[in-house]
PDB file of N, CA and C in Angstrom:
ATOM      1  N   MET A   1      -5.599   7.093  10.850  1.00  0.00           N
ATOM      2  CA  MET A   1      -5.287   5.580  10.555  1.00  0.00           C
ATOM      3  C   MET A   1      -4.203   4.613  11.015  1.00  0.00           C
ATOM      4  N   LYS A   2      -3.936   5.120  12.293  1.00  0.00           N
ATOM      5  CA  LYS A   2      -3.114   4.104  13.310  1.00  0.00           C
ATOM      6  C   LYS A   2      -3.830   2.954  13.867  1.00  0.00           C
ATOM      7  N   ARG A   3      -3.901   2.051  12.712  1.00  0.00           N
ATOM      8  CA  ARG A   3      -4.191   0.536  12.676  1.00  0.00           C
ATOM      9  C   ARG A   3      -3.398   0.102  12.507  1.00  0.00           C
ATOM     10  N   PHE A   4      -2.734  -0.888  13.196  1.00  0.00           N
ATOM     11  CA  PHE A   4      -2.105  -2.388  13.466  1.00  0.00           C
ATOM     12  C   PHE A   4      -2.492  -3.408  12.380  1.00  0.00           C
ATOM     13  N   VAL A   5      -1.144  -3.650  11.526  1.00  0.00           N
ATOM     14  CA  VAL A   5      -1.623  -4.610  10.385  1.00  0.00           C
ATOM     15  C   VAL A   5      -1.434  -6.308  10.781  1.00  0.00           C
ATOM     16  N   LYS A   6      -0.887  -6.296  11.762  1.00  0.00           N
ATOM     17  CA  LYS A   6      -1.022  -7.464  12.182  1.00  0.00           C
ATOM     18  C   LYS A   6      -2.415  -7.802  12.842  1.00  0.00           C
ATOM     19  N   LYS A   7      -2.712  -7.183  13.586  1.00  0.00           N
ATOM     20  CA  LYS A   7      -4.084  -7.314  14.415  1.00  0.00           C
ATOM     21  C   LYS A   7      -5.205  -7.189  13.097  1.00  0.00           C
ATOM     22  N   TRP A   8      -5.041  -6.529  12.177  1.00  0.00           N
ATOM     23  CA  TRP A   8      -6.575  -6.219  11.128  1.00  0.00           C
ATOM     24  C   TRP A   8      -6.008  -7.560   9.950  1.00  0.00           C
ATOM     25  N   LEU A   9      -4.709  -8.698   9.918  1.00  0.00           N
ATOM     26  CA  LEU A   9      -4.822  -9.321   9.449  1.00  0.00           C
ATOM     27  C   LEU A   9      -5.697 -10.349  10.209  1.00  0.00           C
ATOM     28  N   GLU A  10      -5.609 -10.862  11.838  1.00  0.00           N
ATOM     29  CA  GLU A  10      -6.016 -11.640  12.322  1.00  0.00           C
ATOM     30  C   GLU A  10      -7.204 -11.552  12.821  1.00  0.00           C
ATOM     31  N   ASP A  11      -7.245 -10.581  12.731  1.00  0.00           N
ATOM     32  CA  ASP A  11      -9.325 -10.753  12.635  1.00  0.00           C
ATOM     33  C   ASP A  11     -10.019 -10.910  11.820  1.00  0.00           C
ATOM     34  N   ASN A  12      -8.810 -10.443  10.177  1.00  0.00           N
ATOM     35  CA  ASN A  12     -10.148 -10.724   8.958  1.00  0.00           C
ATOM     36  C   ASN A  12      -9.844 -11.736   8.186  1.00  0.00           C
ATOM     37  N   PHE A  13      -8.751 -12.702   8.590  1.00  0.00           N
ATOM     38  CA  PHE A  13      -7.817 -13.853   7.878  1.00  0.00           C
ATOM     39  C   PHE A  13      -7.615 -14.853   8.776  1.00  0.00           C
ATOM     40  N   ASP A  14      -7.734 -15.991   8.691  1.00  0.00           N
ATOM     41  CA  ASP A  14      -7.368 -17.275   8.885  1.00  0.00           C
ATOM     42  C   ASP A  14      -5.953 -17.466   8.623  1.00  0.00           C
ATOM     43  N   ASP A  15      -5.404 -17.139   7.740  1.00  0.00           N
ATOM     44  CA  ASP A  15      -3.874 -17.719   7.280  1.00  0.00           C
ATOM     45  C   ASP A  15      -3.621 -16.347   7.241  1.00  0.00           C
ATOM     46  N   LEU A  16      -3.081 -16.852   9.333  1.00  0.00           N
ATOM     47  CA  LEU A  16      -1.807 -15.388   9.208  1.00  0.00           C
ATOM     48  C   LEU A  16      -0.483 -16.068   8.986  1.00  0.00           C
ATOM     49  N   ASP A  17       0.150 -14.451   7.872  1.00  0.00           N
ATOM     50  CA  ASP A  17       1.526 -14.567   7.885  1.00  0.00           C
ATOM     51  C   ASP A  17       2.142 -13.927   9.287  1.00  0.00           C
ATOM     52  N   GLN A  18       3.224 -15.352   9.547  1.00  0.00           N
ATOM     53  CA  GLN A  18       4.036 -14.659  11.025  1.00  0.00           C
ATOM     54  C   GLN A  18       5.267 -14.077  11.050  1.00  0.00           C
ATOM     55  N   CYS A  19       5.026 -13.659   9.772  1.00  0.00           N
ATOM     56  CA  CYS A  19       6.614 -12.528   9.383  1.00  0.00           C
ATOM     57  C   CYS A  19       5.766 -10.996   9.779  1.00  0.00           C
ATOM     58  N   ILE A  20       4.687 -10.606  10.041  1.00  0.00           N
ATOM     59  CA  ILE A  20       4.522  -9.558  10.156  1.00  0.00           C
ATOM     60  C   ILE A  20       4.781  -8.894  11.453  1.00  0.00           C
ATOM     61  N   SER A  21       5.691  -8.156  11.864  1.00  0.00           N
ATOM     62  CA  SER A  21       5.514  -7.020  12.954  1.00  0.00           C
ATOM     63  C   SER A  21       4.254  -7.025  13.409  1.00  0.00           C
ATOM     64  N   PRO A  22       4.120  -6.721  14.706  1.00  0.00           N
ATOM     65  CA  PRO A  22       2.857  -6.660  15.519  1.00  0.00           C
ATOM     66  C   PRO A  22       2.874  -5.253  15.695  1.00  0.00           C
ATOM     67  N   THR A  23       3.871  -4.232  15.403  1.00  0.00           N
ATOM     68  CA  THR A  23       4.136  -2.932  15.965  1.00  0.00           C
ATOM     69  C   THR A  23       3.965  -2.256  14.198  1.00  0.00           C
ATOM     70  N   LEU A  24       4.272  -2.763  13.343  1.00  0.00           N
ATOM     71  CA  LEU A  24       3.844  -2.274  11.970  1.00  0.00           C
ATOM     72  C   LEU A  24       2.553  -2.182  11.904  1.00  0.00           C
ATOM     73  N   THR A  25       2.034  -0.610  11.656  1.00  0.00           N
ATOM     74  CA  THR A  25       1.073  -0.069  11.950  1.00  0.00           C
ATOM     75  C   THR A  25       0.794   0.554   9.909  1.00  0.00           C
ATOM     76  N   PHE A  26      -0.790   1.033   9.679  1.00  0.00           N
ATOM     77  CA  PHE A  26      -0.916   0.604   7.988  1.00  0.00           C
ATOM     78  C   PHE A  26       0.036   2.678   7.780  1.00  0.00           C
ATOM     79  N   GLU A  27      -0.155   3.225   8.418  1.00  0.00           N
ATOM     80  CA  GLU A  27       0.613   4.633   8.735  1.00  0.00           C
ATOM     81  C   GLU A  27       1.889   4.231   7.939  1.00  0.00           C
ATOM     82  N   ASP A  28       2.528   3.268   8.912  1.00  0.00           N
ATOM     83  CA  ASP A  28       4.157   3.133   8.218  1.00  0.00           C
ATOM     84  C   ASP A  28       4.227   2.938   6.980  1.00  0.00           C
ATOM     85  N   VAL A  29       2.927   2.105   6.792  1.00  0.00           N
ATOM     86  CA  VAL A  29       3.145   0.958   5.281  1.00  0.00           C
ATOM     87  C   VAL A  29       2.883   2.457   4.275  1.00  0.00           C
ATOM     88  N   MET A  30       2.037   2.920   4.441  1.00  0.00           N
ATOM     89  CA  MET A  30       1.680   4.421   3.862  1.00  0.00           C
ATOM     90  C   MET A  30       2.932   5.587   3.543  1.00  0.00           C
ATOM     91  N   ARG A  31       3.745   5.029   4.662  1.00  0.00           N
ATOM     92  CA  ARG A  31       5.150   5.958   4.287  1.00  0.00           C
ATOM     93  C   ARG A  31       5.877   5.680   3.791  1.00  0.00           C
ATOM     94  N   LYS A  32       6.021   3.985   3.890  1.00  0.00           N
ATOM     95  CA  LYS A  32       6.816   3.277   3.166  1.00  0.00           C
ATOM     96  C   LYS A  32       6.379   2.246   2.454  1.00  0.00           C
ATOM     97  N   PRO A  33       5.904   2.216   1.652  1.00  0.00           N
ATOM     98  CA  PRO A  33       5.562   0.785   1.076  1.00  0.00           C
ATOM     99  C   PRO A  33       6.095  -0.837   0.954  1.00  0.00           C
ATOM    100  N   SER A  34       7.861  -0.608   0.885  1.00  0.00           N
ATOM    101  CA  SER A  34       8.703  -1.276   0.927  1.00  0.00           C
ATOM    102  C   SER A  34       8.520  -2.166   2.452  1.00  0.00           C
ATOM    103  N   LEU A  35       8.283  -1.624   3.636  1.00  0.00           N
ATOM    104  CA  LEU A  35       7.764  -2.307   4.568  1.00  0.00           C
ATOM    105  C   LEU A  35       6.774  -3.900   5.128  1.00  0.00           C
ATOM    106  N   ALA A  36       6.054  -3.030   3.996  1.00  0.00           N
ATOM    107  CA  ALA A  36       5.019  -4.509   3.366  1.00  0.00           C
ATOM    108  C   ALA A  36       5.582  -5.801   3.335  1.00  0.00           C
ATOM    109  N   ASN A  37       6.856  -5.538   2.820  1.00  0.00           N
ATOM    110  CA  ASN A  37       7.149  -6.576   2.096  1.00  0.00           C
ATOM    111  C   ASN A  37       8.253  -7.191   3.727  1.00  0.00           C
ATOM    112  N   SER A  38       8.253  -7.135   4.305  1.00  0.00           N
ATOM    113  CA  SER A  38       8.666  -7.830   5.484  1.00  0.00           C
ATOM    114  C   SER A  38       8.555  -9.132   5.844  1.00  0.00           C
ATOM    115  N   GLY A  39       9.214  -9.337   4.730  1.00  0.00           N
ATOM    116  CA  GLY A  39       9.272 -11.433   4.796  1.00  0.00           C
ATOM    117  C   GLY A  39       7.713 -11.557   4.394  1.00  0.00           C
ATOM    118  N   SER A  40       6.812 -11.298   3.857  1.00  0.00           N
ATOM    119  CA  SER A  40       5.611 -11.283   3.814  1.00  0.00           C
ATOM    120  C   SER A  40       5.315 -12.166   2.649  1.00  0.00           C
ATOM    121  N   GLU A  41       4.205 -12.340   2.530  1.00  0.00           N
ATOM    122  CA  GLU A  41       3.645 -13.761   1.698  1.00  0.00           C
ATOM    123  C   GLU A  41       2.998 -12.527   0.719  1.00  0.00           C
ATOM    124  N   SER A  42       3.836 -13.018  -0.884  1.00  0.00           N
ATOM    125  CA  SER A  42       2.397 -11.563  -1.288  1.00  0.00           C
ATOM    126  C   SER A  42       0.889 -11.594  -1.570  1.00  0.00           C
ATOM    127  N   VAL A  43       0.190 -12.369  -0.663  1.00  0.00           N
ATOM    128  CA  VAL A  43      -1.192 -12.289  -0.299  1.00  0.00           C
ATOM    129  C   VAL A  43      -1.349 -11.413   0.589  1.00  0.00           C
ATOM    130  N   THR A  44      -0.007 -11.253   1.364  1.00  0.00           N
ATOM    131  CA  THR A  44      -0.031 -11.070   2.642  1.00  0.00           C
ATOM    132  C   THR A  44      -0.193  -9.213   1.771  1.00  0.00           C
ATOM    133  N   ARG A  45       0.924  -9.482   1.230  1.00  0.00           N
ATOM    134  CA  ARG A  45       1.168  -7.598   0.501  1.00  0.00           C
ATOM    135  C   ARG A  45       0.077  -7.458  -0.323  1.00  0.00           C
ATOM    136  N   GLU A  46      -0.771  -8.154  -1.274  1.00  0.00           N
ATOM    137  CA  GLU A  46      -1.987  -8.196  -1.890  1.00  0.00           C
ATOM    138  C   GLU A  46      -3.164  -6.839  -0.876  1.00  0.00           C
ATOM    139  N   ARG A  47      -3.270  -7.620   0.898  1.00  0.00           N
ATOM    140  CA  ARG A  47      -3.854  -7.921   0.990  1.00  0.00           C
ATOM    141  C   ARG A  47      -4.235  -6.417   2.057  1.00  0.00           C
ATOM    142  N   ILE A  48      -2.792  -6.108   2.174  1.00  0.00           N
ATOM    143  CA  ILE A  48      -2.626  -4.643   2.929  1.00  0.00           C
ATOM    144  C   ILE A  48      -2.891  -3.479   1.978  1.00  0.00           C
ATOM    145  N   PHE A  49      -2.297  -3.868   0.382  1.00  0.00           N
ATOM    146  CA  PHE A  49      -2.281  -2.868  -0.174  1.00  0.00           C
ATOM    147  C   PHE A  49      -3.775  -2.575  -0.742  1.00  0.00           C
ATOM    148  N   GLY A  50      -4.542  -3.366  -0.297  1.00  0.00           N
ATOM    149  CA  GLY A  50      -6.142  -3.688  -0.488  1.00  0.00           C
ATOM    150  C   GLY A  50      -7.231  -2.890   0.136  1.00  0.00           C
ATOM    151  N   GLU A  51      -6.430  -3.362   1.894  1.00  0.00           N
ATOM    152  CA  GLU A  51      -6.932  -2.559   2.761  1.00  0.00           C
ATOM    153  C   GLU A  51      -6.450  -0.845   2.624  1.00  0.00           C
ATOM    154  N   LEU A  52      -5.638  -0.613   1.930  1.00  0.00           N
ATOM    155  CA  LEU A  52      -4.870   0.956   1.940  1.00  0.00           C
ATOM    156  C   LEU A  52      -5.594   1.551   0.773  1.00  0.00           C
ATOM    157  N   SER A  53      -5.458   1.214  -0.649  1.00  0.00           N
ATOM    158  CA  SER A  53      -6.474   1.401  -1.085  1.00  0.00           C
ATOM    159  C   SER A  53      -7.825   1.680  -0.807  1.00  0.00           C
ATOM    160  N   ASP A  54      -8.723   0.718  -0.164  1.00  0.00           N
ATOM    161  CA  ASP A  54     -10.074   0.743   0.477  1.00  0.00           C
ATOM    162  C   ASP A  54     -10.058   2.170   1.309  1.00  0.00           C
ATOM    163  N   CYS A  55      -9.712   2.600   2.072  1.00  0.00           N
ATOM    164  CA  CYS A  55      -9.460   2.673   3.376  1.00  0.00           C
ATOM    165  C   CYS A  55      -9.267   4.841   2.939  1.00  0.00           C
ATOM    166  N   THR A  56      -7.584   4.892   1.977  1.00  0.00           N
ATOM    167  CA  THR A  56      -7.448   5.984   1.554  1.00  0.00           C
ATOM    168  C   THR A  56      -8.512   6.759  -0.384  1.00  0.00           C
ATOM    169  N   GLY A  57      -9.124   5.711  -0.546  1.00  0.00           N
ATOM    170  CA  GLY A  57      -9.429   6.018  -2.040  1.00  0.00           C
ATOM    171  C   GLY A  57      -8.605   5.922  -3.660  1.00  0.00           C
ATOM    172  N   LEU A  58      -7.121   5.905  -2.712  1.00  0.00           N
ATOM    173  CA  LEU A  58      -6.168   5.693  -4.172  1.00  0.00           C
ATOM    174  C   LEU A  58      -5.907   4.682  -4.815  1.00  0.00           C
ATOM    175  N   PRO A  59      -5.852   4.413  -5.467  1.00  0.00           N
ATOM    176  CA  PRO A  59      -5.521   3.239  -7.167  1.00  0.00           C
ATOM    177  C   PRO A  59      -4.559   1.765  -5.822  1.00  0.00           C
ATOM    178  N   TYR A  60      -5.022   0.950  -6.043  1.00  0.00           N
ATOM    179  CA  TYR A  60      -3.786  -0.201  -5.603  1.00  0.00           C
ATOM    180  C   TYR A  60      -2.682   0.040  -6.147  1.00  0.00           C
ATOM    181  N   ASP A  61      -2.815   0.100  -7.505  1.00  0.00           N
ATOM    182  CA  ASP A  61      -1.671   0.247  -8.394  1.00  0.00           C
ATOM    183  C   ASP A  61      -0.533   1.017  -7.342  1.00  0.00           C
ATOM    184  N   VAL A  62      -0.846   2.176  -6.974  1.00  0.00           N
ATOM    185  CA  VAL A  62      -0.101   3.331  -6.605  1.00  0.00           C
ATOM    186  C   VAL A  62       0.949   2.822  -5.771  1.00  0.00           C
ATOM    187  N   PHE A  63      -0.102   1.701  -4.974  1.00  0.00           N
ATOM    188  CA  PHE A  63       0.462   1.078  -3.838  1.00  0.00           C
ATOM    189  C   PHE A  63       2.042  -0.228  -3.996  1.00  0.00           C
ATOM    190  N   TYR A  64       1.216  -0.984  -4.707  1.00  0.00           N
ATOM    191  CA  TYR A  64       2.072  -2.218  -5.893  1.00  0.00           C
ATOM    192  C   TYR A  64       3.233  -1.814  -6.434  1.00  0.00           C
ATOM    193  N   TYR A  65       3.290  -0.337  -7.226  1.00  0.00           N
ATOM    194  CA  TYR A  65       4.519  -0.209  -7.749  1.00  0.00           C
ATOM    195  C   TYR A  65       5.033   0.642  -7.040  1.00  0.00           C
ATOM    196  N   ALA A  66       4.730   1.390  -6.280  1.00  0.00           N
ATOM    197  CA  ALA A  66       6.118   2.108  -5.125  1.00  0.00           C
ATOM    198  C   ALA A  66       6.711   0.594  -3.903  1.00  0.00           C
ATOM    199  N   TRP A  67       6.087  -0.124  -3.784  1.00  0.00           N
ATOM    200  CA  TRP A  67       6.913  -1.404  -3.230  1.00  0.00           C
ATOM    201  C   TRP A  67       7.554  -1.952  -4.093  1.00  0.00           C
ATOM    202  N   LEU A  68       7.338  -2.466  -5.516  1.00  0.00           N
ATOM    203  CA  LEU A  68       8.011  -2.663  -6.080  1.00  0.00           C
ATOM    204  C   LEU A  68       8.994  -2.689  -6.695  1.00  0.00           C
ATOM    205  N   ASP A  69       8.918  -0.921  -7.088  1.00  0.00           N
ATOM    206  CA  ASP A  69       9.727  -0.356  -7.795  1.00  0.00           C
ATOM    207  C   ASP A  69      10.800   0.344  -5.602  1.00  0.00           C
ATOM    208  N   GLU A  70      10.453   0.112  -4.485  1.00  0.00           N
ATOM    209  CA  GLU A  70      11.155   0.972  -3.689  1.00  0.00           C
ATOM    210  C   GLU A  70      11.256   2.042  -3.893  1.00  0.00           C
ATOM    211  N   THR A  71      10.157   2.972  -3.981  1.00  0.00           N
ATOM    212  CA  THR A  71      10.059   4.153  -4.218  1.00  0.00           C
ATOM    213  C   THR A  71       9.105   4.623  -3.418  1.00  0.00           C
ATOM    214  N   SER A  72       8.821   6.192  -3.126  1.00  0.00           N
ATOM    215  CA  SER A  72       7.098   6.505  -3.014  1.00  0.00           C
ATOM    216  C   SER A  72       6.296   6.646  -3.175  1.00  0.00           C
ATOM    217  N   LEU A  73       5.185   7.102  -2.494  1.00  0.00           N
ATOM    218  CA  LEU A  73       3.426   6.633  -3.228  1.00  0.00           C
ATOM    219  C   LEU A  73       3.631   7.759  -4.438  1.00  0.00           C
ATOM    220  N   GLU A  74       4.238   8.790  -4.722  1.00  0.00           N
ATOM    221  CA  GLU A  74       4.285   9.843  -5.785  1.00  0.00           C
ATOM    222  C   GLU A  74       5.286   9.015  -6.436  1.00  0.00           C
ATOM    223  N   GLY A  75       6.122   8.550  -6.714  1.00  0.00           N
ATOM    224  CA  GLY A  75       6.893   7.852  -7.797  1.00  0.00           C
ATOM    225  C   GLY A  75       6.238   6.843  -8.037  1.00  0.00           C
ATOM    226  N   GLY A  76       5.087   5.348  -6.919  1.00  0.00           N
ATOM    227  CA  GLY A  76       4.337   4.287  -7.494  1.00  0.00           C
ATOM    228  C   GLY A  76       3.185   4.739  -8.352  1.00  0.00           C
ATOM    229  N   CYS A  77       2.555   6.375  -8.256  1.00  0.00           N
ATOM    230  CA  CYS A  77       1.316   6.590  -9.027  1.00  0.00           C
ATOM    231  C   CYS A  77       2.018   6.767 -10.546  1.00  0.00           C
ATOM    232  N   LYS A  78       3.155   7.637  -9.956  1.00  0.00           N
ATOM    233  CA  LYS A  78       3.763   8.030 -11.961  1.00  0.00           C
ATOM    234  C   LYS A  78       4.652   6.486 -12.644  1.00  0.00           C
ATOM    235  N   ILE A  79       4.970   5.815 -12.249  1.00  0.00           N
ATOM    236  CA  ILE A  79       5.578   4.577 -12.446  1.00  0.00           C
ATOM    237  C   ILE A  79       3.919   3.797 -12.722  1.00  0.00           C
ATOM    238  N   ALA A  80       2.743   3.900 -12.035  1.00  0.00           N
ATOM    239  CA  ALA A  80       1.492   3.148 -12.478  1.00  0.00           C
ATOM    240  C   ALA A  80       1.026   3.787 -13.862  1.00  0.00           C
ATOM    241  N   TRP A  81       0.776   4.696 -13.797  1.00  0.00           N
ATOM    242  CA  TRP A  81       0.547   6.077 -15.081  1.00  0.00           C
ATOM    243  C   TRP A  81       1.878   5.750 -16.559  1.00  0.00           C
ATOM    244  N   GLU A  82       2.821   6.114 -16.359  1.00  0.00           N
ATOM    245  CA  GLU A  82       3.488   5.402 -17.193  1.00  0.00           C
ATOM    246  C   GLU A  82       3.666   4.256 -17.514  1.00  0.00           C
ATOM    247  N   ARG A  83       3.480   3.484 -17.578  1.00  0.00           N
ATOM    248  CA  ARG A  83       3.374   1.792 -17.549  1.00  0.00           C
ATOM    249  C   ARG A  83       1.783   1.292 -17.989  1.00  0.00           C
ATOM    250  N   GLY A  84       0.800   1.993 -18.082  1.00  0.00           N
ATOM    251  CA  GLY A  84      -0.460   2.452 -17.866  1.00  0.00           C
ATOM    252  C   GLY A  84      -1.974   1.603 -17.378  1.00  0.00           C
ATOM    253  N   TYR A  85      -0.942   1.274 -15.695  1.00  0.00           N
ATOM    254  CA  TYR A  85      -2.512   0.756 -14.904  1.00  0.00           C
ATOM    255  C   TYR A  85      -3.194   2.034 -14.990  1.00  0.00           C
ATOM    256  N   ILE A  86      -2.905   2.952 -14.411  1.00  0.00           N
ATOM    257  CA  ILE A  86      -3.464   3.996 -14.275  1.00  0.00           C
ATOM    258  C   ILE A  86      -3.865   4.789 -15.447  1.00  0.00           C
ATOM    259  N   THR A  87      -4.897   5.567 -15.718  1.00  0.00           N
ATOM    260  CA  THR A  87      -5.487   6.228 -16.278  1.00  0.00           C
ATOM    261  C   THR A  87      -4.818   7.898 -16.137  1.00  0.00           C
ATOM    262  N   GLU A  88      -4.352   8.646 -17.467  1.00  0.00           N
ATOM    263  CA  GLU A  88      -4.172  10.080 -17.047  1.00  0.00           C
ATOM    264  C   GLU A  88      -4.700  10.416 -16.381  1.00  0.00           C
ATOM    265  N   LYS A  89      -6.539  10.450 -16.265  1.00  0.00           N
ATOM    266  CA  LYS A  89      -7.247  11.458 -15.231  1.00  0.00           C
ATOM    267  C   LYS A  89      -6.917  10.426 -14.336  1.00  0.00           C
ATOM    268  N   VAL A  90      -6.926   9.298 -13.416  1.00  0.00           N
ATOM    269  CA  VAL A  90      -6.221   9.006 -12.443  1.00  0.00           C
ATOM    270  C   VAL A  90      -5.016   9.417 -11.737  1.00  0.00           C
ATOM    271  N   TYR A  91      -4.598   9.436 -12.492  1.00  0.00           N
ATOM    272  CA  TYR A  91      -2.829  10.079 -11.995  1.00  0.00           C
ATOM    273  C   TYR A  91      -3.194  12.344 -11.806  1.00  0.00           C
ATOM    274  N   ASN A  92      -3.593  12.359 -12.481  1.00  0.00           N
ATOM    275  CA  ASN A  92      -4.267  13.448 -12.176  1.00  0.00           C
ATOM    276  C   ASN A  92      -5.199  13.879 -10.971  1.00  0.00           C
ATOM    277  N   GLU A  93      -5.988  13.168 -11.096  1.00  0.00           N
ATOM    278  CA  GLU A  93      -7.070  13.096  -9.638  1.00  0.00           C
ATOM    279  C   GLU A  93      -5.963  12.895  -8.753  1.00  0.00           C
ATOM    280  N   THR A  94      -4.939  11.404  -8.569  1.00  0.00           N
ATOM    281  CA  THR A  94      -4.548  10.973  -7.660  1.00  0.00           C
ATOM    282  C   THR A  94      -3.547  11.645  -7.104  1.00  0.00           C
ATOM    283  N   MET A  95      -2.424  12.295  -7.756  1.00  0.00           N
ATOM    284  CA  MET A  95      -1.257  12.982  -7.049  1.00  0.00           C
ATOM    285  C   MET A  95      -1.530  14.351  -6.290  1.00  0.00           C
ATOM    286  N   PRO A  96      -2.297  15.092  -6.440  1.00  0.00           N
ATOM    287  CA  PRO A  96      -2.499  15.847  -5.191  1.00  0.00           C
ATOM    288  C   PRO A  96      -2.656  15.277  -3.648  1.00  0.00           C
ATOM    289  N   LYS A  97      -3.556  14.224  -3.797  1.00  0.00           N
ATOM    290  CA  LYS A  97      -4.188  13.670  -2.588  1.00  0.00           C
ATOM    291  C   LYS A  97      -2.839  12.893  -2.079  1.00  0.00           C
ATOM    292  N   LEU A  98      -2.251  12.824  -2.811  1.00  0.00           N
ATOM    293  CA  LEU A  98      -0.880  12.062  -2.042  1.00  0.00           C
ATOM    294  C   LEU A  98       0.265  13.183  -1.046  1.00  0.00           C
ATOM    295  N   ALA A  99       0.099  14.143  -1.155  1.00  0.00           N
ATOM    296  CA  ALA A  99       0.366  15.411  -0.352  1.00  0.00           C
ATOM    297  C   ALA A  99      -0.206  15.255   1.245  1.00  0.00           C
ATOM    298  N   LYS A 100      -1.413  14.647   1.461  1.00  0.00           N
ATOM    299  CA  LYS A 100      -1.510  14.720   2.795  1.00  0.00           C
ATOM    300  C   LYS A 100      -1.163  13.158   3.177  1.00  0.00           C
ATOM    301  N   PHE A 101      -0.867  12.569   2.373  1.00  0.00           N
ATOM    302  CA  PHE A 101      -0.117  11.379   3.037  1.00  0.00           C
ATOM    303  C   PHE A 101       1.264  11.022   3.014  1.00  0.00           C
ATOM    304  N   SER A 102       2.181  12.355   2.922  1.00  0.00           N
ATOM    305  CA  SER A 102       3.232  12.391   2.707  1.00  0.00           C
ATOM    306  C   SER A 102       3.879  12.571   3.817  1.00  0.00           C
TER     307      SER A 102
END
């Protein structure tokens, strides 16, 4: 997943957020979701998290709550489950998958 976020945004969207670092990778955001907040607009974060969700098969809410609460993907998964955004079944299926991204 060594793809650059800004390059992906340029290739896929006309309204590019200029605040994204050209060196930021999707791998960086996987390790630390708060990096998607580097001055970017909410629509840009949504696009980044949506792409990560599509590529990894992990629920979008895991990325969103990890970013919102400035925690790990595991923490985001737990928060999404506790707040009812993902089911217990999805939570139990997702947590073991997160280990390979940590």
